[in-house]
Amino acid sequence: TFAGRPRTVTTDILTRDAKDIAFADYSPSWKFHRKIVHSALCMFREGTVTIEQIISREAASLCQTLTSFQTIPLDMAPELTRAVTNVVCSLCFSTRYKRGDAEFETMLKYNKGIVDTVAKDSLVDIFPWLQVFPNKDLDILRQSVASRDQFLHKKLKEHKDEFCGETVNDLMDALLKAKLSMENNNSNISQDVGLTEDHILMTVGDIFGAGVETTSTVLKWAVAYLLHYPEVQNKIQEELDVKVGFGRYPLLSDRKILHYTEAVISEVLRIRPVSPLLIPHVALKDSSIGEYTIPKETRVVINLWS
């Protein structure tokens, strides 16, 4: 009922006129792209390199960095962002970065520009005609998107040059394989739903952008709260020591036995949600909630913080 998405000036710039998943309107094309991405991500559950192995590798790298800075002040924000970026980049591009990498610093810069501008309630999204006037935020967004697109084009070219059609190592490979399969079969599906290079770039950009920003923000809030509540730190450490031990990293399957740790994570997500107001939705048909009538095409904003 509320699965639609509104078209705005900022999201059109960000997604090349809604050729992604997060901001695209509900349609056969959206369902097709979402299905492809879901299938690609599922391969990391049982593949040769599972997502748990990727996360464990980056957790070990982060711990090594923190250990080496025990007696030196360290800004943890970029370290947490790098760890999360490496997990997402492994899923999307089979790439990871070391501290101080120039490409990583470029990603941080353009991602900050995108987040800072898209997160604002811009008047130009309410009154699109305002875009004819000088707009500093739109200029920053366009520059950041241009930098992001340059990076994504580079990754796409690398994957196209190395792609053999059989081995799928990451999300970009999976999208290229789906596009190639439709072209070789002269599928009518491709004409109906569309799977151009723009769709591939914007879809990967979605996964990369949303995955890095949201996860790293949650981790930063978690660290901030744990610093102020050392007794909570101690209880988490005790639970991990007793129920997981020292011979391995925690796994997703451990969630059912790590009750206190799970409760702390849930509390951080509750008190500091990464997106208090979710991406705006649009009503696809006339409906009602309680005594309120919601006409078709009404913009719906969900207050997650409430």
C-alpha atoms as a PDB file:
ATOM      1  CA  THR A   1       0.000   0.000   0.000  1.00  0.00           C
ATOM      2  CA  PHE A   2       2.809   2.443   0.878  1.00  0.00           C
ATOM      3  CA  ALA A   3       5.601   0.941  -1.252  1.00  0.00           C
ATOM      4  CA  GLY A   4       5.803   3.859  -3.694  1.00  0.00           C
ATOM      5  CA  ARG A   5       8.610   6.430  -3.725  1.00  0.00           C
ATOM      6  CA  PRO A   6       8.343  10.155  -4.514  1.00  0.00           C
ATOM      7  CA  ARG A   7      10.551  11.720  -7.192  1.00  0.00           C
ATOM      8  CA  THR A   8      12.646  14.612  -5.888  1.00  0.00           C
ATOM      9  CA  VAL A   9      15.375  16.802  -7.340  1.00  0.00           C
ATOM     10  CA  THR A  10      18.086  15.530  -4.978  1.00  0.00           C
ATOM     11  CA  THR A  11      17.283  11.828  -5.372  1.00  0.00           C
ATOM     12  CA  ASP A  12      17.110  12.166  -9.169  1.00  0.00           C
ATOM     13  CA  ILE A  13      20.626  13.624  -9.138  1.00  0.00           C
ATOM     14  CA  LEU A  14      21.795  10.888  -6.774  1.00  0.00           C
ATOM     15  CA  THR A  15      20.260   7.966  -8.691  1.00  0.00           C
ATOM     16  CA  ARG A  16      20.226   9.107 -12.333  1.00  0.00           C
ATOM     17  CA  ASP A  17      16.457   9.472 -12.321  1.00  0.00           C
ATOM     18  CA  ALA A  18      15.666   6.559  -9.973  1.00  0.00           C
ATOM     19  CA  LYS A  19      17.702   3.799 -11.632  1.00  0.00           C
ATOM     20  CA  ASP A  20      18.479   2.284  -8.236  1.00  0.00           C
ATOM     21  CA  ILE A  21      16.528   0.292  -5.642  1.00  0.00           C
ATOM     22  CA  ALA A  22      16.231   2.518  -2.551  1.00  0.00           C
ATOM     23  CA  PHE A  23      14.665   5.540  -4.254  1.00  0.00           C
ATOM     24  CA  ALA A  24      12.985   3.913  -7.267  1.00  0.00           C
ATOM     25  CA  ASP A  25       9.201   3.714  -7.383  1.00  0.00           C
ATOM     26  CA  TYR A  26       7.437   0.361  -6.932  1.00  0.00           C
ATOM     27  CA  SER A  27       7.239  -1.285 -10.369  1.00  0.00           C
ATOM     28  CA  PRO A  28       8.101  -4.513 -12.273  1.00  0.00           C
ATOM     29  CA  SER A  29      11.562  -3.029 -12.913  1.00  0.00           C
ATOM     30  CA  TRP A  30      12.101  -2.389  -9.194  1.00  0.00           C
ATOM     31  CA  LYS A  31      11.000  -5.922  -8.270  1.00  0.00           C
ATOM     32  CA  PHE A  32      13.332  -7.405 -10.899  1.00  0.00           C
ATOM     33  CA  HIS A  33      16.371  -5.428  -9.735  1.00  0.00           C
ATOM     34  CA  ARG A  34      15.644  -6.221  -6.094  1.00  0.00           C
ATOM     35  CA  LYS A  35      15.393  -9.931  -6.904  1.00  0.00           C
ATOM     36  CA  ILE A  36      18.784  -9.896  -8.653  1.00  0.00           C
ATOM     37  CA  VAL A  37      20.474  -8.102  -5.761  1.00  0.00           C
ATOM     38  CA  HIS A  38      18.875 -10.419  -3.204  1.00  0.00           C
ATOM     39  CA  SER A  39      20.072 -13.476  -5.155  1.00  0.00           C
ATOM     40  CA  ALA A  40      23.580 -12.034  -5.414  1.00  0.00           C
ATOM     41  CA  LEU A  41      23.804 -11.313  -1.686  1.00  0.00           C
ATOM     42  CA  CYS A  42      22.480 -14.783  -0.841  1.00  0.00           C
ATOM     43  CA  MET A  43      25.536 -16.360  -2.462  1.00  0.00           C
ATOM     44  CA  PHE A  44      27.640 -15.037   0.437  1.00  0.00           C
ATOM     45  CA  ARG A  45      25.736 -17.266   2.870  1.00  0.00           C
ATOM     46  CA  GLU A  46      27.081 -20.510   1.459  1.00  0.00           C
ATOM     47  CA  GLY A  47      29.853 -19.428  -0.913  1.00  0.00           C
ATOM     48  CA  THR A  48      33.574 -20.033  -0.578  1.00  0.00           C
ATOM     49  CA  VAL A  49      33.858 -16.719   1.258  1.00  0.00           C
ATOM     50  CA  THR A  50      30.870 -16.106   3.513  1.00  0.00           C
ATOM     51  CA  ILE A  51      29.890 -12.714   4.858  1.00  0.00           C
ATOM     52  CA  GLU A  52      30.804 -13.919   8.362  1.00  0.00           C
ATOM     53  CA  GLN A  53      34.344 -14.652   7.184  1.00  0.00           C
ATOM     54  CA  ILE A  54      34.605 -11.195   5.620  1.00  0.00           C
ATOM     55  CA  ILE A  55      33.351  -9.520   8.813  1.00  0.00           C
ATOM     56  CA  SER A  56      35.695 -11.602  10.988  1.00  0.00           C
ATOM     57  CA  ARG A  57      38.654 -10.641   8.796  1.00  0.00           C
ATOM     58  CA  GLU A  58      37.872  -6.934   9.105  1.00  0.00           C
ATOM     59  CA  ALA A  59      37.190  -7.236  12.843  1.00  0.00           C
ATOM     60  CA  ALA A  60      40.639  -8.787  13.268  1.00  0.00           C
ATOM     61  CA  SER A  61      42.212  -5.972  11.248  1.00  0.00           C
ATOM     62  CA  LEU A  62      40.378  -3.351  13.346  1.00  0.00           C
ATOM     63  CA  CYS A  63      41.458  -5.002  16.608  1.00  0.00           C
ATOM     64  CA  GLN A  64      45.058  -5.074  15.382  1.00  0.00           C
ATOM     65  CA  THR A  65      44.898  -1.340  14.646  1.00  0.00           C
ATOM     66  CA  LEU A  66      43.378  -0.565  18.064  1.00  0.00           C
ATOM     67  CA  THR A  67      46.013  -2.689  19.800  1.00  0.00           C
ATOM     68  CA  SER A  68      48.832  -0.815  18.067  1.00  0.00           C
ATOM     69  CA  PHE A  69      47.386   2.492  19.342  1.00  0.00           C
ATOM     70  CA  GLN A  70      46.937   1.487  22.990  1.00  0.00           C
ATOM     71  CA  THR A  71      49.203   4.277  24.261  1.00  0.00           C
ATOM     72  CA  ILE A  72      48.410   6.832  21.533  1.00  0.00           C
ATOM     73  CA  PRO A  73      45.168   8.823  21.071  1.00  0.00           C
ATOM     74  CA  LEU A  74      43.159   7.492  18.121  1.00  0.00           C
ATOM     75  CA  ASP A  75      40.068   8.822  16.367  1.00  0.00           C
ATOM     76  CA  MET A  76      37.963   5.678  16.062  1.00  0.00           C
ATOM     77  CA  ALA A  77      35.432   7.136  13.611  1.00  0.00           C
ATOM     78  CA  PRO A  78      37.525   6.651  10.431  1.00  0.00           C
ATOM     79  CA  GLU A  79      38.735   3.255  11.670  1.00  0.00           C
ATOM     80  CA  LEU A  80      35.165   2.022  12.133  1.00  0.00           C
ATOM     81  CA  THR A  81      34.202   3.471   8.759  1.00  0.00           C
ATOM     82  CA  ARG A  82      37.153   1.764   7.069  1.00  0.00           C
ATOM     83  CA  ALA A  83      36.239  -1.605   8.594  1.00  0.00           C
ATOM     84  CA  VAL A  84      32.621  -1.307   7.437  1.00  0.00           C
ATOM     85  CA  THR A  85      33.713   0.008   4.029  1.00  0.00           C
ATOM     86  CA  ASN A  86      35.952  -3.020   3.550  1.00  0.00           C
ATOM     87  CA  VAL A  87      33.079  -5.394   4.321  1.00  0.00           C
ATOM     88  CA  VAL A  88      30.749  -3.658   1.860  1.00  0.00           C
ATOM     89  CA  CYS A  89      33.472  -3.258  -0.787  1.00  0.00           C
ATOM     90  CA  SER A  90      34.245  -6.972  -0.501  1.00  0.00           C
ATOM     91  CA  LEU A  91      30.580  -7.728  -1.195  1.00  0.00           C
ATOM     92  CA  CYS A  92      30.297  -5.209  -4.046  1.00  0.00           C
ATOM     93  CA  PHE A  93      33.741  -5.200  -5.688  1.00  0.00           C
ATOM     94  CA  SER A  94      35.956  -7.852  -4.001  1.00  0.00           C
ATOM     95  CA  THR A  95      38.123  -4.944  -2.792  1.00  0.00           C
ATOM     96  CA  ARG A  96      39.495  -3.861   0.586  1.00  0.00           C
ATOM     97  CA  TYR A  97      41.593  -0.875   1.681  1.00  0.00           C
ATOM     98  CA  LYS A  98      44.481  -0.265   4.062  1.00  0.00           C
ATOM     99  CA  ARG A  99      44.781   2.749   6.355  1.00  0.00           C
ATOM    100  CA  GLY A 100      45.536   5.943   4.451  1.00  0.00           C
ATOM    101  CA  ASP A 101      44.642   4.549   1.021  1.00  0.00           C
ATOM    102  CA  ALA A 102      44.006   7.443  -1.413  1.00  0.00           C
ATOM    103  CA  GLU A 103      40.952   5.793  -3.000  1.00  0.00           C
ATOM    104  CA  PHE A 104      39.461   5.182   0.429  1.00  0.00           C
ATOM    105  CA  GLU A 105      39.961   8.841   1.389  1.00  0.00           C
ATOM    106  CA  THR A 106      38.226   9.882  -1.842  1.00  0.00           C
ATOM    107  CA  MET A 107      35.265   7.650  -0.971  1.00  0.00           C
ATOM    108  CA  LEU A 108      35.018   9.184   2.494  1.00  0.00           C
ATOM    109  CA  LYS A 109      34.969  12.680   1.010  1.00  0.00           C
ATOM    110  CA  TYR A 110      32.277  12.103  -1.610  1.00  0.00           C
ATOM    111  CA  ASN A 111      30.170   9.976   0.727  1.00  0.00           C
ATOM    112  CA  LYS A 112      30.177  12.780   3.316  1.00  0.00           C
ATOM    113  CA  GLY A 113      29.099  15.254   0.637  1.00  0.00           C
ATOM    114  CA  ILE A 114      26.215  13.016  -0.422  1.00  0.00           C
ATOM    115  CA  VAL A 115      25.026  12.238   3.112  1.00  0.00           C
ATOM    116  CA  ASP A 116      25.242  15.842   4.309  1.00  0.00           C
ATOM    117  CA  THR A 117      23.128  17.138   1.411  1.00  0.00           C
ATOM    118  CA  VAL A 118      20.593  14.330   0.913  1.00  0.00           C
ATOM    119  CA  ALA A 119      19.864  14.176   4.655  1.00  0.00           C
ATOM    120  CA  LYS A 120      18.658  17.783   4.650  1.00  0.00           C
ATOM    121  CA  ASP A 121      15.016  18.667   4.079  1.00  0.00           C
ATOM    122  CA  SER A 122      15.787  20.732   1.012  1.00  0.00           C
ATOM    123  CA  LEU A 123      13.218  23.262  -0.172  1.00  0.00           C
ATOM    124  CA  VAL A 124      14.115  22.383  -3.755  1.00  0.00           C
ATOM    125  CA  ASP A 125      12.525  18.955  -3.215  1.00  0.00           C
ATOM    126  CA  ILE A 126       9.263  20.640  -2.237  1.00  0.00           C
ATOM    127  CA  PHE A 127       9.452  23.387  -4.866  1.00  0.00           C
ATOM    128  CA  PRO A 128      11.474  21.922  -7.784  1.00  0.00           C
ATOM    129  CA  TRP A 129      11.411  25.210  -9.704  1.00  0.00           C
ATOM    130  CA  LEU A 130      13.852  26.613  -7.126  1.00  0.00           C
ATOM    131  CA  GLN A 131      16.664  24.625  -8.763  1.00  0.00           C
ATOM    132  CA  VAL A 132      17.035  27.393 -11.371  1.00  0.00           C
ATOM    133  CA  PHE A 133      18.534  29.566  -8.615  1.00  0.00           C
ATOM    134  CA  PRO A 134      22.063  29.134  -7.192  1.00  0.00           C
ATOM    135  CA  ASN A 135      22.050  26.364  -4.602  1.00  0.00           C
ATOM    136  CA  LYS A 136      25.182  25.498  -2.633  1.00  0.00           C
ATOM    137  CA  ASP A 137      23.848  22.142  -1.425  1.00  0.00           C
ATOM    138  CA  LEU A 138      22.938  21.020  -4.945  1.00  0.00           C
ATOM    139  CA  ASP A 139      26.400  22.043  -6.160  1.00  0.00           C
ATOM    140  CA  ILE A 140      28.037  19.953  -3.419  1.00  0.00           C
ATOM    141  CA  LEU A 141      25.733  17.030  -4.227  1.00  0.00           C
ATOM    142  CA  ARG A 142      26.512  17.179  -7.956  1.00  0.00           C
ATOM    143  CA  GLN A 143      30.263  17.326  -7.278  1.00  0.00           C
ATOM    144  CA  SER A 144      30.070  14.410  -4.821  1.00  0.00           C
ATOM    145  CA  VAL A 145      27.931  12.321  -7.187  1.00  0.00           C
ATOM    146  CA  ALA A 146      30.366  13.015 -10.049  1.00  0.00           C
ATOM    147  CA  SER A 147      33.242  11.780  -7.864  1.00  0.00           C
ATOM    148  CA  ARG A 148      31.237   8.695  -6.843  1.00  0.00           C
ATOM    149  CA  ASP A 149      30.314   7.916 -10.451  1.00  0.00           C
ATOM    150  CA  GLN A 150      33.950   8.182 -11.520  1.00  0.00           C
ATOM    151  CA  PHE A 151      34.846   5.615  -8.857  1.00  0.00           C
ATOM    152  CA  LEU A 152      31.970   3.289  -9.821  1.00  0.00           C
ATOM    153  CA  HIS A 153      32.826   3.529 -13.539  1.00  0.00           C
ATOM    154  CA  LYS A 154      36.394   2.525 -12.728  1.00  0.00           C
ATOM    155  CA  LYS A 155      35.183  -0.527 -10.800  1.00  0.00           C
ATOM    156  CA  LEU A 156      32.721  -1.440 -13.567  1.00  0.00           C
ATOM    157  CA  LYS A 157      35.452  -1.268 -16.227  1.00  0.00           C
ATOM    158  CA  GLU A 158      37.744  -3.464 -14.132  1.00  0.00           C
ATOM    159  CA  HIS A 159      34.979  -6.041 -13.709  1.00  0.00           C
ATOM    160  CA  LYS A 160      34.001  -5.987 -17.395  1.00  0.00           C
ATOM    161  CA  ASP A 161      37.643  -6.509 -18.425  1.00  0.00           C
ATOM    162  CA  GLU A 162      38.025  -9.512 -16.102  1.00  0.00           C
ATOM    163  CA  PHE A 163      34.502 -10.972 -16.331  1.00  0.00           C
ATOM    164  CA  CYS A 164      34.378 -14.442 -17.898  1.00  0.00           C
ATOM    165  CA  GLY A 165      30.652 -15.099 -17.556  1.00  0.00           C
ATOM    166  CA  GLU A 166      31.017 -18.122 -15.287  1.00  0.00           C
ATOM    167  CA  THR A 167      32.595 -17.082 -11.994  1.00  0.00           C
ATOM    168  CA  VAL A 168      30.645 -14.612  -9.871  1.00  0.00           C
ATOM    169  CA  ASN A 169      32.777 -13.136  -7.102  1.00  0.00           C
ATOM    170  CA  ASP A 170      30.702 -10.164  -5.991  1.00  0.00           C
ATOM    171  CA  LEU A 171      27.577  -8.098  -6.523  1.00  0.00           C
ATOM    172  CA  MET A 172      28.897  -6.293  -9.597  1.00  0.00           C
ATOM    173  CA  ASP A 173      29.744  -9.627 -11.239  1.00  0.00           C
ATOM    174  CA  ALA A 174      26.218 -10.868 -10.500  1.00  0.00           C
ATOM    175  CA  LEU A 175      24.631  -7.800 -12.101  1.00  0.00           C
ATOM    176  CA  LEU A 176      26.909  -8.041 -15.146  1.00  0.00           C
ATOM    177  CA  LYS A 177      26.014 -11.720 -15.532  1.00  0.00           C
ATOM    178  CA  ALA A 178      22.283 -10.937 -15.359  1.00  0.00           C
ATOM    179  CA  LYS A 179      22.665  -8.188 -17.968  1.00  0.00           C
ATOM    180  CA  LEU A 180      24.724 -10.427 -20.264  1.00  0.00           C
ATOM    181  CA  SER A 181      22.252 -13.295 -19.890  1.00  0.00           C
ATOM    182  CA  MET A 182      19.328 -11.110 -20.930  1.00  0.00           C
ATOM    183  CA  GLU A 183      21.234  -9.706 -23.910  1.00  0.00           C
ATOM    184  CA  ASN A 184      22.322 -13.151 -25.128  1.00  0.00           C
ATOM    185  CA  ASN A 185      18.800 -14.539 -24.824  1.00  0.00           C
ATOM    186  CA  ASN A 186      17.266 -11.470 -26.479  1.00  0.00           C
ATOM    187  CA  SER A 187      14.950 -11.465 -23.504  1.00  0.00           C
ATOM    188  CA  ASN A 188      11.862  -9.281 -23.636  1.00  0.00           C
ATOM    189  CA  ILE A 189      12.279  -8.907 -19.888  1.00  0.00           C
ATOM    190  CA  SER A 190      15.205  -6.559 -20.420  1.00  0.00           C
ATOM    191  CA  GLN A 191      13.048  -4.290 -22.549  1.00  0.00           C
ATOM    192  CA  ASP A 192      10.255  -4.280 -19.981  1.00  0.00           C
ATOM    193  CA  VAL A 193      12.286  -3.736 -16.831  1.00  0.00           C
ATOM    194  CA  GLY A 194      15.611  -2.395 -18.096  1.00  0.00           C
ATOM    195  CA  LEU A 195      19.065  -3.386 -16.875  1.00  0.00           C
ATOM    196  CA  THR A 196      21.497  -0.864 -18.282  1.00  0.00           C
ATOM    197  CA  GLU A 197      24.942   0.027 -17.005  1.00  0.00           C
ATOM    198  CA  ASP A 198      23.284   2.954 -15.244  1.00  0.00           C
ATOM    199  CA  HIS A 199      21.088   0.495 -13.335  1.00  0.00           C
ATOM    200  CA  ILE A 200      24.142  -1.572 -12.374  1.00  0.00           C
ATOM    201  CA  LEU A 201      26.088   1.469 -11.185  1.00  0.00           C
ATOM    202  CA  MET A 202      23.210   2.962  -9.211  1.00  0.00           C
ATOM    203  CA  THR A 203      22.249  -0.375  -7.639  1.00  0.00           C
ATOM    204  CA  VAL A 204      25.815  -1.004  -6.472  1.00  0.00           C
ATOM    205  CA  GLY A 205      25.958   2.605  -5.293  1.00  0.00           C
ATOM    206  CA  ASP A 206      22.828   1.967  -3.219  1.00  0.00           C
ATOM    207  CA  ILE A 207      24.282  -1.062  -1.464  1.00  0.00           C
ATOM    208  CA  PHE A 208      27.609   0.667  -0.924  1.00  0.00           C
ATOM    209  CA  GLY A 209      26.211   3.991   0.250  1.00  0.00           C
ATOM    210  CA  ALA A 210      23.474   2.681   2.509  1.00  0.00           C
ATOM    211  CA  GLY A 211      25.558  -0.159   3.950  1.00  0.00           C
ATOM    212  CA  VAL A 212      28.566   1.959   4.880  1.00  0.00           C
ATOM    213  CA  GLU A 213      26.797   5.011   6.290  1.00  0.00           C
ATOM    214  CA  THR A 214      24.154   3.245   8.387  1.00  0.00           C
ATOM    215  CA  THR A 215      26.376   0.535   9.846  1.00  0.00           C
ATOM    216  CA  SER A 216      29.309   2.809  10.680  1.00  0.00           C
ATOM    217  CA  THR A 217      26.956   5.329  12.317  1.00  0.00           C
ATOM    218  CA  VAL A 218      25.459   2.611  14.549  1.00  0.00           C
ATOM    219  CA  LEU A 219      28.940   1.453  15.562  1.00  0.00           C
ATOM    220  CA  LYS A 220      30.028   5.011  16.392  1.00  0.00           C
ATOM    221  CA  TRP A 221      26.980   5.522  18.619  1.00  0.00           C
ATOM    222  CA  ALA A 222      27.570   2.140  20.267  1.00  0.00           C
ATOM    223  CA  VAL A 223      31.182   3.037  21.077  1.00  0.00           C
ATOM    224  CA  ALA A 224      30.134   6.463  22.394  1.00  0.00           C
ATOM    225  CA  TYR A 225      27.565   4.956  24.763  1.00  0.00           C
ATOM    226  CA  LEU A 226      29.865   2.151  25.919  1.00  0.00           C
ATOM    227  CA  LEU A 227      32.529   4.723  26.804  1.00  0.00           C
ATOM    228  CA  HIS A 228      30.009   6.393  29.116  1.00  0.00           C
ATOM    229  CA  TYR A 229      28.761   3.102  30.582  1.00  0.00           C
ATOM    230  CA  PRO A 230      31.861   0.970  31.339  1.00  0.00           C
ATOM    231  CA  GLU A 231      29.761  -1.415  33.444  1.00  0.00           C
ATOM    232  CA  VAL A 232      27.866  -2.352  30.267  1.00  0.00           C
ATOM    233  CA  GLN A 233      31.196  -2.955  28.515  1.00  0.00           C
ATOM    234  CA  ASN A 234      32.206  -5.344  31.285  1.00  0.00           C
ATOM    235  CA  LYS A 235      28.946  -7.313  31.099  1.00  0.00           C
ATOM    236  CA  ILE A 236      29.255  -7.688  27.319  1.00  0.00           C
ATOM    237  CA  GLN A 237      32.867  -8.845  27.674  1.00  0.00           C
ATOM    238  CA  GLU A 238      31.911 -11.374  30.361  1.00  0.00           C
ATOM    239  CA  GLU A 239      29.096 -12.783  28.221  1.00  0.00           C
ATOM    240  CA  LEU A 240      31.360 -13.131  25.173  1.00  0.00           C
ATOM    241  CA  ASP A 241      34.124 -14.766  27.234  1.00  0.00           C
ATOM    242  CA  VAL A 242      31.759 -17.309  28.797  1.00  0.00           C
ATOM    243  CA  LYS A 243      29.479 -18.153  25.870  1.00  0.00           C
ATOM    244  CA  VAL A 244      31.797 -17.711  22.858  1.00  0.00           C
ATOM    245  CA  GLY A 245      35.189 -18.287  24.396  1.00  0.00           C
ATOM    246  CA  PHE A 246      38.608 -17.238  23.128  1.00  0.00           C
ATOM    247  CA  GLY A 247      39.092 -19.656  20.238  1.00  0.00           C
ATOM    248  CA  ARG A 248      36.879 -17.995  17.623  1.00  0.00           C
ATOM    249  CA  TYR A 249      34.916 -14.885  16.649  1.00  0.00           C
ATOM    250  CA  PRO A 250      31.207 -14.521  17.461  1.00  0.00           C
ATOM    251  CA  LEU A 251      28.874 -15.802  14.729  1.00  0.00           C
ATOM    252  CA  LEU A 252      25.348 -14.864  13.714  1.00  0.00           C
ATOM    253  CA  SER A 253      24.221 -18.196  15.134  1.00  0.00           C
ATOM    254  CA  ASP A 254      25.426 -17.012  18.572  1.00  0.00           C
ATOM    255  CA  ARG A 255      22.747 -14.313  18.733  1.00  0.00           C
ATOM    256  CA  LYS A 256      20.309 -16.687  20.435  1.00  0.00           C
ATOM    257  CA  ILE A 257      22.705 -17.175  23.372  1.00  0.00           C
ATOM    258  CA  LEU A 258      24.149 -13.636  23.627  1.00  0.00           C
ATOM    259  CA  HIS A 259      21.076 -12.129  25.253  1.00  0.00           C
ATOM    260  CA  TYR A 260      22.736  -9.155  26.962  1.00  0.00           C
ATOM    261  CA  THR A 261      24.823  -8.197  23.923  1.00  0.00           C
ATOM    262  CA  GLU A 262      21.744  -8.425  21.721  1.00  0.00           C
ATOM    263  CA  ALA A 263      19.799  -6.219  24.143  1.00  0.00           C
ATOM    264  CA  VAL A 264      22.537  -3.559  24.120  1.00  0.00           C
ATOM    265  CA  ILE A 265      22.571  -3.479  20.305  1.00  0.00           C
ATOM    266  CA  SER A 266      18.781  -3.158  20.236  1.00  0.00           C
ATOM    267  CA  GLU A 267      18.902  -0.327  22.775  1.00  0.00           C
ATOM    268  CA  VAL A 268      21.477   1.604  20.713  1.00  0.00           C
ATOM    269  CA  LEU A 269      19.267   1.208  17.630  1.00  0.00           C
ATOM    270  CA  ARG A 270      16.253   2.378  19.643  1.00  0.00           C
ATOM    271  CA  ILE A 271      17.755   5.422  21.310  1.00  0.00           C
ATOM    272  CA  ARG A 272      19.791   6.543  18.282  1.00  0.00           C
ATOM    273  CA  PRO A 273      18.182   5.214  15.073  1.00  0.00           C
ATOM    274  CA  VAL A 274      20.386   5.915  12.047  1.00  0.00           C
ATOM    275  CA  SER A 275      17.389   7.222  10.114  1.00  0.00           C
ATOM    276  CA  PRO A 276      14.754   8.659  12.490  1.00  0.00           C
ATOM    277  CA  LEU A 277      12.567   9.500   9.495  1.00  0.00           C
ATOM    278  CA  LEU A 278      12.793   6.741   6.899  1.00  0.00           C
ATOM    279  CA  ILE A 279      12.976   7.314   3.145  1.00  0.00           C
ATOM    280  CA  PRO A 280       9.648   8.943   2.151  1.00  0.00           C
ATOM    281  CA  HIS A 281       7.020   6.588   0.741  1.00  0.00           C
ATOM    282  CA  VAL A 282       3.985   7.174  -1.475  1.00  0.00           C
ATOM    283  CA  ALA A 283       0.542   5.583  -1.097  1.00  0.00           C
ATOM    284  CA  LEU A 284      -0.168   3.379  -4.125  1.00  0.00           C
ATOM    285  CA  LYS A 285      -3.924   3.351  -3.506  1.00  0.00           C
ATOM    286  CA  ASP A 286      -6.590   4.950  -1.336  1.00  0.00           C
ATOM    287  CA  SER A 287      -6.347   3.556   2.176  1.00  0.00           C
ATOM    288  CA  SER A 288      -6.810   4.406   5.827  1.00  0.00           C
ATOM    289  CA  ILE A 289      -5.021   4.055   9.147  1.00  0.00           C
ATOM    290  CA  GLY A 290      -7.437   4.142  12.050  1.00  0.00           C
ATOM    291  CA  GLU A 291      -9.707   7.124  11.545  1.00  0.00           C
ATOM    292  CA  TYR A 292      -7.394   8.812   9.027  1.00  0.00           C
ATOM    293  CA  THR A 293      -8.005   8.574   5.277  1.00  0.00           C
ATOM    294  CA  ILE A 294      -4.884   8.439   3.106  1.00  0.00           C
ATOM    295  CA  PRO A 295      -5.598   9.212  -0.579  1.00  0.00           C
ATOM    296  CA  LYS A 296      -3.608   7.618  -3.384  1.00  0.00           C
ATOM    297  CA  GLU A 297      -0.268   9.361  -4.155  1.00  0.00           C
ATOM    298  CA  THR A 298      -0.060  10.881  -0.657  1.00  0.00           C
ATOM    299  CA  ARG A 299       3.512  11.205   0.544  1.00  0.00           C
ATOM    300  CA  VAL A 300       4.022   9.157   3.725  1.00  0.00           C
ATOM    301  CA  VAL A 301       6.851   9.841   6.186  1.00  0.00           C
ATOM    302  CA  ILE A 302       7.473   7.198   8.853  1.00  0.00           C
ATOM    303  CA  ASN A 303       8.712   8.387  12.254  1.00  0.00           C
ATOM    304  CA  LEU A 304      10.913   5.469  13.284  1.00  0.00           C
ATOM    305  CA  TRP A 305      12.089   7.277  16.410  1.00  0.00           C
ATOM    306  CA  SER A 306       8.544   7.361  17.806  1.00  0.00           C
END
